[in-house]
Amino acid sequence: MSAQSEVVHIGGYTAQSGGRGSGIVAARRDPATGELTPLGTVAVTPSPSFLARHPTQPVLYAVNELKDGEVSAWRVGSDGALDPIGSRPTGGAQPCHLAVLPDGGHLVVANYGGGSVAVFPLDAQGVPGERSDLVVHEGHGPDPERQEQAHTHMVSPGSGRGPLLAVDLGTDSVYRYDLDAATGRLVPRAPRVRTAPGTGPRHLARHPDGRRCYLVGELDGSVTAYELSDDGALHQRARVEASERPGHVQPSEVAVGPDGRFLYVANRGVGTIAVFALAGEAPELVAEVDTDGEWPRHFALIGEHLYVADERADMVRVFRRDADTGVPEPVGEPVPVPSPTCVLP
């Protein structure tokens, strides 16, 4: 493993969003033990709440989750050092998620406050150019406080010819788009997928088989299983509760383990990681593990380890996953990081 591949980057909230961080933090990871050693802040930038990497270039991207949203890019050096190569306005408020298309040609951004999806062409070195499209969602949901308008929360590019999925918490919808690579514009695929009213869909995880995906509802504490057809349509197969704990559950991140056997869901409010077996049509809860915090905002699966960013507890917690049961167990002491919201392998 190269030195660079052993460095993880951690995004978080800074003072501009009421957080305590100063920018993007780098940490060295020991692949054997899972231990993280913080290397300090490597990019001072406002509220880099979600991070992504270019598939072939040593480039890292972050949203700057501000009223006037921006996306920023850095070249990644040895020991995780970041050298800025550009930033662009996202055309909407509070960008909270971003992703690079598999071919590395475009970057897509979810503007939560703006309820929109922005597209940026990337040059051969991964530098973002002028925004090529901005699609604004319309509508609202039944929750007057959280769903008064569209709130795009995630963008999930498909592999191959599959469409881009845009998850919108405000309109209880998953929108499907094809990207015209020549123009950098999004072409909607009708119809959009509507969840149950008041679900508040936040993030989805694709199964490695390419046929299944799992959507967490932030507002109703749910996990919904879908089958993906060849045309990118989502067909609901099952719905289960994200947590069995008493209290107000707000699922955040969701991911499928690399072998496709287990689904992991972070539950804010009750401070747990729920583990579901995926052998049947409906996810089956096999364990719910305490994170020792209350607000697990995000996690990353890296090798046999799980790294949980607890935004309010100012820490990243390290777990080792049991290969047979899929259940994570805590390792060592929590790693202090102020207001962490994203861990990027």
Protein backbone atom coordinates (compact mmCIF):
# COMPACT_ATOMS: atom_id res chain seq x y z
CA MET A 1 0.00 0.00 0.00
CA SER A 2 1.37 3.43 -0.92
CA ALA A 3 1.64 6.18 1.67
CA GLN A 4 -1.15 8.07 -0.07
CA SER A 5 -3.55 5.14 0.02
CA GLU A 6 -3.10 4.94 3.78
CA VAL A 7 -4.25 8.52 4.30
CA VAL A 8 -7.92 9.31 4.85
CA HIS A 9 -9.43 12.77 4.69
CA ILE A 10 -12.15 13.98 7.04
CA GLY A 11 -14.56 16.80 6.26
CA GLY A 12 -16.61 18.74 8.77
CA TYR A 13 -18.42 21.89 9.75
CA THR A 14 -16.55 25.12 10.46
CA ALA A 15 -17.72 28.26 12.27
CA GLN A 16 -19.61 29.41 9.16
CA SER A 17 -22.13 26.61 9.83
CA GLY A 18 -21.94 26.59 13.62
CA GLY A 19 -19.24 23.92 13.68
CA ARG A 20 -15.90 23.67 15.46
CA GLY A 21 -13.66 22.48 12.62
CA SER A 22 -11.18 24.50 10.56
CA GLY A 23 -11.32 22.60 7.26
CA ILE A 24 -10.27 19.22 5.89
CA VAL A 25 -8.27 17.02 8.27
CA ALA A 26 -5.90 14.25 7.13
CA ALA A 27 -5.21 11.12 9.18
CA ARG A 28 -2.86 8.21 8.60
CA ARG A 29 -4.52 4.81 8.70
CA ASP A 30 -2.84 1.59 9.82
CA PRO A 31 -4.44 -1.07 7.57
CA ALA A 32 -3.62 -3.83 10.06
CA THR A 33 -5.04 -2.31 13.24
CA GLY A 34 -7.37 0.28 11.73
CA GLU A 35 -5.81 2.95 13.94
CA LEU A 36 -6.08 6.56 12.77
CA THR A 37 -3.36 9.11 13.53
CA PRO A 38 -4.52 12.69 12.82
CA LEU A 39 -2.05 14.72 10.76
CA GLY A 40 -3.82 18.05 11.26
CA THR A 41 -5.79 20.37 8.99
CA VAL A 42 -4.52 20.12 5.41
CA ALA A 43 -7.00 22.57 3.81
CA VAL A 44 -8.52 25.58 5.53
CA THR A 45 -11.89 25.90 3.79
CA PRO A 46 -15.41 26.74 5.00
CA SER A 47 -17.64 23.79 6.00
CA PRO A 48 -16.32 21.03 3.71
CA SER A 49 -19.18 18.78 4.78
CA PHE A 50 -18.83 16.11 2.09
CA LEU A 51 -15.79 14.90 0.14
CA ALA A 52 -15.16 12.87 -3.01
CA ARG A 53 -12.15 11.68 -5.02
CA HIS A 54 -11.47 11.61 -8.75
CA PRO A 55 -11.40 8.00 -10.06
CA THR A 56 -8.00 8.33 -11.80
CA GLN A 57 -6.39 11.65 -10.83
CA PRO A 58 -4.99 12.52 -7.35
CA VAL A 59 -7.72 15.12 -6.87
CA LEU A 60 -10.09 15.63 -3.93
CA TYR A 61 -13.34 17.61 -4.08
CA ALA A 62 -15.43 19.13 -1.30
CA VAL A 63 -18.73 20.95 -1.09
CA ASN A 64 -18.62 24.16 0.92
CA GLU A 65 -22.00 23.99 2.66
CA LEU A 66 -22.80 27.69 2.77
CA LYS A 67 -25.69 30.00 1.88
CA ASP A 68 -23.86 30.71 -1.37
CA GLY A 69 -22.67 27.19 -2.04
CA GLU A 70 -19.31 26.37 -3.56
CA VAL A 71 -17.39 23.30 -4.66
CA SER A 72 -13.61 23.25 -4.15
CA ALA A 73 -10.87 21.03 -5.57
CA TRP A 74 -7.33 20.14 -4.46
CA ARG A 75 -4.47 18.08 -5.80
CA VAL A 76 -3.54 15.43 -3.24
CA GLY A 77 0.14 15.19 -2.36
CA SER A 78 2.18 12.87 -0.18
CA ASP A 79 0.99 12.50 3.41
CA GLY A 80 -2.43 13.75 2.32
CA ALA A 81 -1.32 17.35 1.69
CA LEU A 82 -3.84 19.35 -0.36
CA ASP A 83 -2.89 21.96 -2.97
CA PRO A 84 -5.89 24.07 -4.16
CA ILE A 85 -6.67 23.92 -7.90
CA GLY A 86 -9.98 25.73 -8.08
CA SER A 87 -13.44 26.43 -6.71
CA ARG A 88 -16.78 27.18 -8.33
CA PRO A 89 -20.19 28.42 -7.15
CA THR A 90 -22.76 25.61 -7.11
CA GLY A 91 -25.71 27.83 -7.98
CA GLY A 92 -27.61 26.88 -4.83
CA ALA A 93 -27.56 27.06 -1.05
CA GLN A 94 -26.10 24.44 1.31
CA PRO A 95 -24.52 21.93 -1.08
CA CYS A 96 -24.28 18.75 1.01
CA HIS A 97 -23.16 15.94 -1.32
CA LEU A 98 -21.14 15.46 -4.48
CA ALA A 99 -19.89 12.67 -6.72
CA VAL A 100 -17.61 12.22 -9.72
CA LEU A 101 -19.00 10.24 -12.65
CA PRO A 102 -17.19 6.92 -13.21
CA ASP A 103 -15.42 8.17 -16.36
CA GLY A 104 -14.01 11.16 -14.46
CA GLY A 105 -15.47 13.63 -16.93
CA HIS A 106 -18.01 15.43 -14.74
CA LEU A 107 -18.70 16.33 -11.11
CA VAL A 108 -22.29 16.50 -9.82
CA VAL A 109 -23.38 18.33 -6.68
CA ALA A 110 -26.56 18.20 -4.56
CA ASN A 111 -27.67 21.63 -3.31
CA TYR A 112 -29.77 20.92 -0.21
CA GLY A 113 -30.99 24.47 0.36
CA GLY A 114 -31.47 25.10 -3.34
CA GLY A 115 -33.22 21.80 -4.04
CA SER A 116 -31.09 21.44 -7.15
CA VAL A 117 -28.40 19.40 -8.91
CA ALA A 118 -25.35 21.16 -10.40
CA VAL A 119 -22.99 19.73 -13.04
CA PHE A 120 -19.36 20.69 -13.63
CA PRO A 121 -17.15 19.41 -16.47
CA LEU A 122 -13.70 18.21 -15.35
CA ASP A 123 -10.62 18.56 -17.54
CA ALA A 124 -8.01 15.83 -17.99
CA GLN A 125 -6.34 16.84 -14.72
CA GLY A 126 -9.64 16.82 -12.81
CA VAL A 127 -9.97 20.61 -12.56
CA PRO A 128 -13.63 21.75 -12.52
CA GLY A 129 -14.74 24.14 -15.25
CA GLU A 130 -17.72 26.48 -15.47
CA ARG A 131 -21.00 24.92 -14.35
CA SER A 132 -22.67 23.27 -17.34
CA ASP A 133 -26.12 22.67 -15.85
CA LEU A 134 -28.35 23.38 -12.86
CA VAL A 135 -31.61 21.45 -12.51
CA VAL A 136 -34.01 22.73 -9.84
CA HIS A 137 -36.58 20.36 -8.31
CA GLU A 138 -40.12 21.58 -7.64
CA GLY A 139 -42.64 20.60 -4.98
CA HIS A 140 -42.85 19.83 -1.28
CA GLY A 141 -43.80 17.11 1.20
CA PRO A 142 -46.18 16.86 4.17
CA ASP A 143 -43.66 17.95 6.84
CA PRO A 144 -44.05 21.75 6.99
CA GLU A 145 -40.66 22.31 8.65
CA ARG A 146 -38.40 19.96 6.68
CA GLN A 147 -40.32 19.54 3.42
CA GLU A 148 -41.53 23.07 2.67
CA GLN A 149 -39.62 22.86 -0.64
CA ALA A 150 -37.27 20.57 -2.53
CA HIS A 151 -34.08 19.59 -0.66
CA THR A 152 -31.68 17.53 -2.77
CA HIS A 153 -29.57 15.45 -0.38
CA MET A 154 -27.53 13.04 -2.52
CA VAL A 155 -26.35 12.37 -6.07
CA SER A 156 -25.52 8.76 -7.00
CA PRO A 157 -24.04 8.15 -10.46
CA GLY A 158 -24.85 4.87 -12.14
CA SER A 159 -22.23 2.56 -13.58
CA GLY A 160 -22.11 2.08 -17.33
CA ARG A 161 -25.29 3.36 -18.95
CA GLY A 162 -27.30 3.53 -15.72
CA PRO A 163 -28.84 6.89 -14.82
CA LEU A 164 -27.74 9.34 -12.15
CA LEU A 165 -30.06 9.09 -9.12
CA ALA A 166 -30.76 12.30 -7.19
CA VAL A 167 -32.33 11.80 -3.76
CA ASP A 168 -34.60 14.65 -2.62
CA LEU A 169 -35.67 14.81 1.03
CA GLY A 170 -38.10 17.68 0.49
CA THR A 171 -40.21 16.15 -2.25
CA ASP A 172 -40.07 12.47 -1.12
CA SER A 173 -38.54 11.60 -4.47
CA VAL A 174 -35.65 9.97 -6.29
CA TYR A 175 -35.09 11.69 -9.63
CA ARG A 176 -33.35 9.94 -12.53
CA TYR A 177 -31.13 11.70 -15.05
CA ASP A 178 -28.94 10.83 -18.00
CA LEU A 179 -25.92 13.06 -18.50
CA ASP A 180 -25.23 14.27 -22.02
CA ALA A 181 -21.43 14.14 -21.89
CA ALA A 182 -21.01 16.46 -24.88
CA THR A 183 -23.01 19.34 -23.37
CA GLY A 184 -22.72 18.51 -19.66
CA ARG A 185 -26.48 18.78 -19.31
CA LEU A 186 -28.87 16.49 -17.44
CA VAL A 187 -31.71 14.84 -19.35
CA PRO A 188 -34.56 13.78 -17.01
CA ARG A 189 -35.81 10.20 -17.18
CA ALA A 190 -39.50 10.13 -16.33
CA PRO A 191 -41.14 9.32 -14.08
CA ARG A 192 -39.41 10.16 -10.82
CA VAL A 193 -39.65 7.58 -8.04
CA ARG A 194 -41.91 8.71 -5.22
CA THR A 195 -41.48 7.36 -1.69
CA ALA A 196 -44.23 7.22 0.92
CA PRO A 197 -45.19 10.78 1.96
CA GLY A 198 -43.08 12.04 4.85
CA THR A 199 -40.23 9.57 4.29
CA GLY A 200 -37.67 12.33 3.78
CA PRO A 201 -35.22 10.24 1.72
CA ARG A 202 -31.61 11.17 2.48
CA HIS A 203 -29.03 8.73 1.10
CA LEU A 204 -29.09 5.51 -0.90
CA ALA A 205 -26.62 2.65 -1.22
CA ARG A 206 -26.21 0.52 -4.32
CA HIS A 207 -25.58 -3.22 -4.00
CA PRO A 208 -22.49 -4.57 -5.80
CA ASP A 209 -24.79 -6.78 -7.91
CA GLY A 210 -26.12 -3.65 -9.62
CA ARG A 211 -29.68 -4.91 -9.18
CA ARG A 212 -30.53 -3.68 -5.70
CA CYS A 213 -30.38 -0.44 -3.77
CA TYR A 214 -31.37 0.70 -0.29
CA LEU A 215 -32.78 4.11 0.63
CA VAL A 216 -32.87 5.59 4.15
CA GLY A 217 -35.68 7.92 5.21
CA GLU A 218 -34.39 10.63 7.53
CA LEU A 219 -37.85 11.75 8.62
CA ASP A 220 -39.61 8.40 9.15
CA GLY A 221 -36.59 6.32 10.27
CA SER A 222 -36.95 3.77 7.50
CA VAL A 223 -34.88 1.62 5.16
CA THR A 224 -36.56 0.82 1.84
CA ALA A 225 -35.23 -1.92 -0.44
CA TYR A 226 -35.59 -1.46 -4.20
CA GLU A 227 -34.80 -3.52 -7.25
CA LEU A 228 -33.13 -1.58 -10.06
CA SER A 229 -34.27 -2.52 -13.54
CA ASP A 230 -32.10 -2.12 -16.64
CA ASP A 231 -33.75 1.20 -17.49
CA GLY A 232 -32.90 2.61 -14.06
CA ALA A 233 -36.42 2.29 -12.65
CA LEU A 234 -36.70 1.52 -8.92
CA HIS A 235 -39.21 -1.11 -7.83
CA GLN A 236 -39.92 -1.23 -4.09
CA ARG A 237 -39.42 -4.68 -2.55
CA ALA A 238 -39.53 -4.09 1.23
CA ARG A 239 -39.52 -1.48 3.96
CA VAL A 240 -38.10 -1.94 7.48
CA GLU A 241 -37.31 0.25 10.48
CA ALA A 242 -33.75 1.62 10.58
CA SER A 243 -33.48 1.09 14.35
CA GLU A 244 -35.16 -0.86 17.12
CA ARG A 245 -34.06 1.63 19.78
CA PRO A 246 -36.58 3.91 21.49
CA GLY A 247 -36.22 7.58 20.67
CA HIS A 248 -36.23 9.88 17.66
CA VAL A 249 -34.25 8.05 14.97
CA GLN A 250 -32.74 9.99 12.06
CA PRO A 251 -30.80 7.69 9.71
CA SER A 252 -27.89 9.38 7.95
CA GLU A 253 -25.39 7.28 5.99
CA VAL A 254 -26.11 3.87 4.45
CA ALA A 255 -23.69 1.47 2.73
CA VAL A 256 -23.50 -2.13 1.55
CA GLY A 257 -20.43 -4.14 2.58
CA PRO A 258 -18.07 -5.04 -0.29
CA ASP A 259 -19.16 -8.69 -0.35
CA GLY A 260 -22.83 -7.67 -0.63
CA ARG A 261 -23.96 -9.67 2.43
CA PHE A 262 -24.64 -6.85 4.88
CA LEU A 263 -26.16 -3.37 4.92
CA TYR A 264 -24.99 -0.73 7.40
CA VAL A 265 -27.09 2.24 8.55
CA ALA A 266 -25.99 5.07 10.86
CA ASN A 267 -28.77 6.25 13.19
CA ARG A 268 -28.53 9.73 14.66
CA GLY A 269 -30.49 10.48 17.82
CA VAL A 270 -29.94 6.96 19.19
CA GLY A 271 -26.24 6.76 18.30
CA THR A 272 -26.08 3.37 16.62
CA ILE A 273 -24.91 1.49 13.56
CA ALA A 274 -27.55 -1.01 12.49
CA VAL A 275 -26.42 -4.12 10.60
CA PHE A 276 -28.84 -5.88 8.25
CA ALA A 277 -28.39 -9.20 6.49
CA LEU A 278 -29.28 -9.08 2.79
CA ALA A 279 -29.95 -12.76 2.11
CA GLY A 280 -33.71 -12.25 1.58
CA GLU A 281 -35.87 -9.70 -0.16
CA ALA A 282 -36.22 -7.60 3.00
CA PRO A 283 -33.14 -6.48 4.98
CA GLU A 284 -33.05 -8.39 8.28
CA LEU A 285 -31.64 -6.67 11.38
CA VAL A 286 -28.87 -8.81 12.89
CA ALA A 287 -27.27 -6.28 15.28
CA GLU A 288 -27.43 -2.68 16.42
CA VAL A 289 -24.13 -1.42 17.79
CA ASP A 290 -23.63 1.65 20.01
CA THR A 291 -21.20 4.23 18.63
CA ASP A 292 -20.57 5.91 22.02
CA GLY A 293 -21.91 9.10 20.50
CA GLU A 294 -25.35 10.48 19.71
CA TRP A 295 -24.97 11.82 16.18
CA PRO A 296 -23.21 9.44 13.74
CA ARG A 297 -23.40 11.66 10.67
CA HIS A 298 -21.36 9.51 8.28
CA PHE A 299 -19.20 6.39 8.14
CA ALA A 300 -16.80 4.73 5.74
CA LEU A 301 -16.09 1.04 5.19
CA ILE A 302 -12.34 0.63 4.58
CA GLY A 303 -10.99 -2.91 4.39
CA GLU A 304 -12.17 -4.78 7.48
CA HIS A 305 -12.74 -1.56 9.40
CA LEU A 306 -15.60 0.90 9.83
CA TYR A 307 -14.96 4.58 10.61
CA VAL A 308 -17.84 6.54 12.14
CA ALA A 309 -17.85 10.35 12.15
CA ASP A 310 -19.90 11.67 15.08
CA GLU A 311 -20.61 15.31 14.32
CA ARG A 312 -21.69 16.34 17.82
CA ALA A 313 -19.25 14.22 19.84
CA ASP A 314 -16.25 15.64 17.91
CA MET A 315 -14.79 12.22 17.20
CA VAL A 316 -14.21 9.46 14.69
CA ARG A 317 -14.81 5.99 16.15
CA VAL A 318 -12.98 2.98 14.71
CA PHE A 319 -14.61 -0.46 14.49
CA ARG A 320 -13.42 -3.82 13.18
CA ARG A 321 -16.02 -5.80 11.24
CA ASP A 322 -16.36 -9.51 11.84
CA ALA A 323 -16.03 -11.12 8.39
CA ASP A 324 -18.60 -13.84 9.15
CA THR A 325 -21.28 -11.98 11.11
CA GLY A 326 -20.72 -8.53 9.61
CA VAL A 327 -21.00 -7.02 13.09
CA PRO A 328 -18.57 -4.20 13.98
CA GLU A 329 -16.78 -4.02 17.35
CA PRO A 330 -15.03 -0.86 18.61
CA VAL A 331 -11.23 -0.75 18.47
CA GLY A 332 -9.09 1.53 20.62
CA GLU A 333 -10.03 5.01 21.72
CA PRO A 334 -12.10 7.55 19.72
CA VAL A 335 -10.04 9.87 17.51
CA PRO A 336 -10.69 13.54 18.35
CA VAL A 337 -11.82 15.52 15.27
CA PRO A 338 -13.96 18.68 15.58
CA SER A 339 -17.46 18.49 14.01
CA PRO A 340 -16.68 15.65 11.57
CA THR A 341 -19.29 14.99 8.88
CA CYS A 342 -17.51 12.81 6.28
CA VAL A 343 -14.72 10.22 6.22
CA LEU A 344 -13.14 9.66 2.79
CA PRO A 345 -10.92 6.61 2.21
